[in-house]
Amino acid sequence: MAVAGGPQVVGSGVCAASHSNVSAGFPPHLQAGAMRRRFWGVFNCLCAGAFGALAAASAKLAFGSEVNVAFCILGIIMMATTNSLMWTFFSRGLSFSMSSAIASVTVTFSNILSSAFLGFVLYGECQQVLWWGGVFLILCGLTLIHRELPPTSKALPHKQQ
């Protein structure tokens, strides 16, 4: 059994109580570039949402009712390409984000806006005011989860047990 301050066996667990001076946050090399990491996380998630909307639009164009075979094949290739780009950017966004919930909501917001834009450009669709109200509420939620929370250095009194 290892004693705090004594030699540690490789692969052994670390007790948090024995290392009370160690911060439970991110390591120093991640704290230094936190704003840069947050920017790249949001950027990759926004790109993932846009590529997801492009994949859906290309699938809709490829499998339309009156489409010739060459256009259908081109649409399938474009759908597969944009779908793989969407997953690539989403994976990168997850690796840069502080939590998977933040990345998922950011991708969803980007996908909704991109879908609305592509629907207007390609099909002339206009969204209703209630739809835009929902988008605004998602944006408000995104603002809340992307804001920087103050660090909690002390445990709350009711959680000290």
Protein backbone atom coordinates (compact mmCIF):
# COMPACT_ATOMS: atom_id res chain seq x y z
CA MET A 1 0.00 0.00 0.00
CA ALA A 2 1.41 3.40 -0.95
CA VAL A 3 1.53 6.19 1.61
CA ALA A 4 0.97 9.82 0.59
CA GLY A 5 4.38 11.22 -0.26
CA GLY A 6 5.85 7.72 -0.53
CA PRO A 7 6.69 5.81 -3.71
CA GLN A 8 3.80 5.13 -6.05
CA VAL A 9 3.40 1.91 -7.97
CA VAL A 10 2.93 2.43 -11.70
CA GLY A 11 -0.73 1.96 -12.61
CA SER A 12 -1.98 2.36 -9.04
CA GLY A 13 -4.92 4.61 -8.22
CA VAL A 14 -4.47 8.05 -6.74
CA CYS A 15 -6.52 9.13 -3.77
CA ALA A 16 -7.79 12.71 -4.08
CA ALA A 17 -7.48 13.26 -0.33
CA SER A 18 -3.75 12.54 -0.36
CA HIS A 19 -3.20 15.22 -3.02
CA SER A 20 -5.33 18.05 -1.66
CA ASN A 21 -3.04 20.73 -3.10
CA VAL A 22 -3.62 19.49 -6.68
CA SER A 23 -6.28 21.38 -8.63
CA ALA A 24 -9.20 19.30 -9.91
CA GLY A 25 -9.44 21.49 -13.05
CA PHE A 26 -7.59 21.25 -16.32
CA PRO A 27 -3.79 20.81 -16.46
CA PRO A 28 -1.71 24.01 -16.89
CA HIS A 29 -1.04 23.43 -20.60
CA LEU A 30 -4.80 23.32 -21.25
CA GLN A 31 -5.58 26.30 -18.99
CA ALA A 32 -3.13 28.53 -20.86
CA GLY A 33 -4.94 28.18 -24.19
CA ALA A 34 -8.50 27.90 -22.86
CA MET A 35 -9.86 30.74 -24.99
CA ARG A 36 -8.17 29.36 -28.09
CA ARG A 37 -9.53 25.89 -27.35
CA ARG A 38 -13.03 27.31 -26.82
CA PHE A 39 -12.85 29.19 -30.14
CA TRP A 40 -11.74 26.09 -32.08
CA GLY A 41 -14.39 24.00 -30.33
CA VAL A 42 -17.16 26.40 -31.33
CA PHE A 43 -15.75 26.79 -34.85
CA ASN A 44 -15.57 23.03 -35.43
CA CYS A 45 -19.10 22.55 -34.05
CA LEU A 46 -20.47 25.30 -36.31
CA CYS A 47 -18.80 23.66 -39.31
CA ALA A 48 -20.21 20.27 -38.29
CA GLY A 49 -23.73 21.68 -38.21
CA ALA A 50 -23.31 23.31 -41.61
CA PHE A 51 -21.97 20.11 -43.17
CA GLY A 52 -24.85 18.16 -41.62
CA ALA A 53 -27.33 20.52 -43.26
CA LEU A 54 -25.48 20.16 -46.58
CA ALA A 55 -25.66 16.37 -46.26
CA ALA A 56 -29.41 16.52 -45.70
CA ALA A 57 -29.93 18.93 -48.59
CA SER A 58 -27.87 16.79 -50.98
CA ALA A 59 -29.86 13.70 -49.93
CA LYS A 60 -33.11 15.54 -50.59
CA LEU A 61 -31.84 16.62 -54.00
CA ALA A 62 -30.48 13.15 -54.84
CA PHE A 63 -33.64 11.29 -53.97
CA GLY A 64 -36.14 13.77 -55.40
CA SER A 65 -39.04 12.48 -57.45
CA GLU A 66 -37.80 13.59 -60.88
CA VAL A 67 -34.03 13.15 -60.82
CA ASN A 68 -31.89 11.47 -63.49
CA VAL A 69 -29.41 8.73 -62.53
CA ALA A 70 -26.24 10.84 -62.93
CA PHE A 71 -27.62 13.56 -60.67
CA CYS A 72 -28.68 10.92 -58.15
CA ILE A 73 -25.17 9.41 -58.05
CA LEU A 74 -23.61 12.86 -57.69
CA GLY A 75 -26.01 13.63 -54.83
CA ILE A 76 -25.15 10.38 -53.05
CA ILE A 77 -21.43 11.07 -53.35
CA MET A 78 -21.93 14.62 -52.08
CA MET A 79 -24.11 13.35 -49.22
CA ALA A 80 -21.46 10.79 -48.15
CA THR A 81 -18.68 13.38 -48.37
CA THR A 82 -20.48 16.08 -46.40
CA ASN A 83 -21.69 13.55 -43.85
CA SER A 84 -18.14 12.33 -43.22
CA LEU A 85 -16.96 15.95 -42.95
CA MET A 86 -19.74 16.60 -40.46
CA TRP A 87 -18.59 13.72 -38.24
CA THR A 88 -14.95 14.78 -38.57
CA PHE A 89 -15.68 18.34 -37.46
CA PHE A 90 -18.01 17.11 -34.71
CA SER A 91 -15.28 14.83 -33.33
CA ARG A 92 -12.79 17.69 -33.39
CA GLY A 93 -15.35 19.96 -31.75
CA LEU A 94 -15.87 17.41 -28.99
CA SER A 95 -12.14 17.19 -28.35
CA PHE A 96 -11.86 20.98 -27.98
CA SER A 97 -15.07 21.53 -25.99
CA MET A 98 -15.36 21.55 -22.23
CA SER A 99 -18.35 19.19 -22.35
CA SER A 100 -20.20 17.09 -24.86
CA ALA A 101 -23.46 18.91 -24.08
CA ILE A 102 -21.99 22.22 -25.18
CA ALA A 103 -20.70 20.68 -28.41
CA SER A 104 -24.02 18.95 -29.15
CA VAL A 105 -26.15 22.05 -28.61
CA THR A 106 -23.76 24.16 -30.72
CA VAL A 107 -23.92 21.65 -33.58
CA THR A 108 -27.71 21.53 -33.33
CA PHE A 109 -27.97 25.32 -33.44
CA SER A 110 -25.66 25.53 -36.44
CA ASN A 111 -27.56 22.76 -38.20
CA ILE A 112 -30.90 24.49 -37.69
CA LEU A 113 -29.64 27.82 -39.02
CA SER A 114 -27.85 26.20 -41.96
CA SER A 115 -30.95 24.17 -42.82
CA ALA A 116 -33.07 27.32 -42.77
CA PHE A 117 -30.60 29.10 -45.05
CA LEU A 118 -30.35 26.18 -47.50
CA GLY A 119 -34.13 25.72 -47.47
CA PHE A 120 -34.57 29.37 -48.41
CA VAL A 121 -31.87 29.31 -51.11
CA LEU A 122 -32.73 25.95 -52.68
CA TYR A 123 -36.50 25.69 -52.19
CA GLY A 124 -37.71 29.20 -51.36
CA GLU A 125 -38.94 28.09 -47.92
CA CYS A 126 -39.67 30.78 -45.33
CA GLN A 127 -39.89 29.93 -41.64
CA GLN A 128 -42.64 31.16 -39.34
CA VAL A 129 -42.16 33.56 -36.45
CA LEU A 130 -42.69 30.74 -33.93
CA TRP A 131 -39.83 28.79 -35.53
CA TRP A 132 -37.51 31.79 -35.23
CA GLY A 133 -38.64 32.19 -31.61
CA GLY A 134 -37.46 28.63 -30.96
CA VAL A 135 -34.12 29.40 -32.61
CA PHE A 136 -33.80 32.47 -30.38
CA LEU A 137 -34.45 30.35 -27.27
CA ILE A 138 -31.77 27.87 -28.37
CA LEU A 139 -29.40 30.82 -28.84
CA CYS A 140 -30.20 32.04 -25.32
CA GLY A 141 -29.45 28.57 -23.96
CA LEU A 142 -26.19 28.48 -25.89
CA THR A 143 -25.21 31.82 -24.41
CA LEU A 144 -25.86 30.49 -20.93
CA ILE A 145 -23.82 27.32 -21.35
CA HIS A 146 -20.94 29.07 -23.14
CA ARG A 147 -20.49 31.74 -20.50
CA GLU A 148 -17.60 31.26 -18.16
CA LEU A 149 -18.69 30.14 -14.74
CA PRO A 150 -16.78 31.41 -11.70
CA PRO A 151 -14.41 28.81 -10.25
CA THR A 152 -15.56 27.15 -7.05
CA SER A 153 -12.58 26.77 -4.77
CA LYS A 154 -14.57 25.76 -1.66
CA ALA A 155 -17.22 23.12 -1.39
CA LEU A 156 -20.70 24.34 -0.59
CA PRO A 157 -21.70 23.87 3.09
CA HIS A 158 -24.43 21.34 2.31
CA LYS A 159 -22.04 19.24 0.16
CA GLN A 160 -19.17 18.96 2.67
CA GLN A 161 -20.38 15.63 4.02
